[in-house]
Amino acid sequence: MRCVIARFPFELTKGGVLEAMKGVKPEPVTGDSVVIGRRHYPAKQVGQVITRQDRRDFSDGEVLRAMTQLGFTCRTVPKASAASAARIVDPLQRASAMLGAPMSI
C-alpha cells in the first residue's frame, strides 16, 4: 500500500511492518499506540522504525492512519475534556492544601 508520511511516499505492507518491528523492544506507551502482534508500541516509535526518519518529522496521526489502513489495531488517547479542566485548582490553593491549610478561627 502506498502512503505518505512526512511528505515522503512509502510502499508499506503488513508483512513488511511485521518484519521491521521484529525484535524491536516497545518503549513505554504514554500516548497513541499501535498493536503489532501482542505488543503495544508508541506510534512515533513505529513511524521511526518503518520510515527511518526522525520522530519530529511526522505526526502520530500520519502513522496511525497508515497502520489502520494496513489492518493494525491503533489506540488513541482521548483529549482532556472540559470537566477535567474545571478540576484544576488555583496554584496558590494547591500549594496551601499541600502544606496544610490554616485552621479557621
Protein backbone atom coordinates (compact mmCIF):
# COMPACT_ATOMS: atom_id res chain seq x y z
CA MET A 1 0.00 0.00 0.00
CA ARG A 2 1.29 3.42 -0.88
CA CYS A 3 1.09 6.03 1.88
CA VAL A 4 2.64 9.42 2.60
CA ILE A 5 4.36 10.07 5.91
CA ALA A 6 6.22 13.35 6.48
CA ARG A 7 5.65 14.31 2.82
CA PHE A 8 7.54 11.22 1.60
CA PRO A 9 5.80 8.33 -0.19
CA PHE A 10 6.27 4.83 1.23
CA GLU A 11 5.21 1.46 -0.12
CA LEU A 12 4.18 -0.42 3.03
CA THR A 13 2.82 -3.92 3.52
CA LYS A 14 1.58 -5.58 6.68
CA GLY A 15 4.27 -8.25 6.37
CA GLY A 16 6.94 -5.60 5.86
CA VAL A 17 5.87 -3.76 9.02
CA LEU A 18 5.82 -7.02 11.00
CA GLU A 19 9.33 -7.85 9.74
CA ALA A 20 10.65 -4.35 10.53
CA MET A 21 9.24 -4.45 14.08
CA LYS A 22 10.51 -7.98 14.79
CA GLY A 23 12.97 -7.83 17.67
CA VAL A 24 12.18 -4.17 18.50
CA LYS A 25 11.52 -3.70 22.20
CA PRO A 26 8.46 -1.49 22.81
CA GLU A 27 9.02 1.77 24.64
CA PRO A 28 6.57 2.77 27.39
CA VAL A 29 3.29 3.90 25.85
CA THR A 30 2.19 7.35 27.01
CA GLY A 31 0.05 8.43 24.07
CA ASP A 32 -1.25 6.99 20.83
CA SER A 33 -0.22 3.40 20.19
CA VAL A 34 -0.21 0.63 17.58
CA VAL A 35 -0.73 -3.05 18.42
CA ILE A 36 1.69 -5.20 16.43
CA GLY A 37 1.49 -8.87 17.29
CA ARG A 38 0.82 -8.91 21.02
CA ARG A 39 2.86 -5.79 21.77
CA HIS A 40 1.76 -2.17 22.12
CA TYR A 41 4.19 0.29 20.51
CA PRO A 42 4.05 4.10 20.66
CA ALA A 43 3.01 5.45 17.26
CA LYS A 44 6.16 7.56 16.99
CA GLN A 45 8.39 4.52 17.59
CA VAL A 46 6.64 2.56 14.83
CA GLY A 47 6.92 5.51 12.47
CA GLN A 48 10.62 5.91 13.18
CA VAL A 49 11.36 2.22 12.58
CA ILE A 50 9.38 1.83 9.35
CA THR A 51 10.36 5.17 7.76
CA ARG A 52 13.87 5.57 9.21
CA GLN A 53 13.05 9.24 9.81
CA ASP A 54 13.36 11.41 12.89
CA ARG A 55 10.25 11.35 15.10
CA ARG A 56 9.92 15.13 14.82
CA ASP A 57 9.35 14.85 11.06
CA PHE A 58 5.90 13.21 11.25
CA SER A 59 2.82 13.19 13.45
CA ASP A 60 1.13 10.36 15.34
CA GLY A 61 -1.88 10.80 13.08
CA GLU A 62 0.08 10.03 9.92
CA VAL A 63 1.39 6.78 11.39
CA LEU A 64 -1.99 5.78 12.86
CA ARG A 65 -3.72 6.39 9.52
CA ALA A 66 -1.21 4.22 7.64
CA MET A 67 -1.26 1.43 10.23
CA THR A 68 -5.07 1.39 10.32
CA GLN A 69 -5.19 1.05 6.53
CA LEU A 70 -2.80 -1.91 6.79
CA GLY A 71 -5.12 -3.60 9.30
CA PHE A 72 -3.30 -2.98 12.59
CA THR A 73 -5.20 -2.04 15.74
CA CYS A 74 -4.49 1.55 16.79
CA ARG A 75 -5.42 3.24 20.03
CA THR A 76 -5.63 6.98 20.61
CA VAL A 77 -5.54 8.88 23.87
CA PRO A 78 -8.74 10.88 24.44
CA LYS A 79 -8.27 14.64 24.65
CA ALA A 80 -8.76 16.31 28.04
CA SER A 81 -12.41 17.21 28.49
CA ALA A 82 -13.74 20.49 29.80
CA ALA A 83 -14.86 18.72 33.01
CA SER A 84 -11.31 17.65 33.84
CA ALA A 85 -10.01 21.13 33.03
CA ALA A 86 -12.52 22.59 35.52
CA ARG A 87 -10.99 20.47 38.30
CA ILE A 88 -7.66 22.28 38.01
CA VAL A 89 -7.23 24.33 41.15
CA ASP A 90 -5.56 27.70 41.53
CA PRO A 91 -1.80 27.12 42.13
CA LEU A 92 -1.94 29.09 45.39
CA GLN A 93 -4.81 26.94 46.66
CA ARG A 94 -2.98 23.77 45.63
CA ALA A 95 0.19 24.85 47.46
CA SER A 96 -1.83 25.74 50.56
CA ALA A 97 -3.52 22.36 50.53
CA MET A 98 -0.18 20.58 50.17
CA LEU A 99 1.27 22.48 53.12
CA GLY A 100 -1.86 22.06 55.18
CA ALA A 101 -4.41 24.87 55.01
CA PRO A 102 -4.53 27.05 58.14
CA MET A 103 -7.34 26.30 60.56
CA SER A 104 -10.28 28.72 60.74
CA ILE A 105 -10.81 30.59 64.00
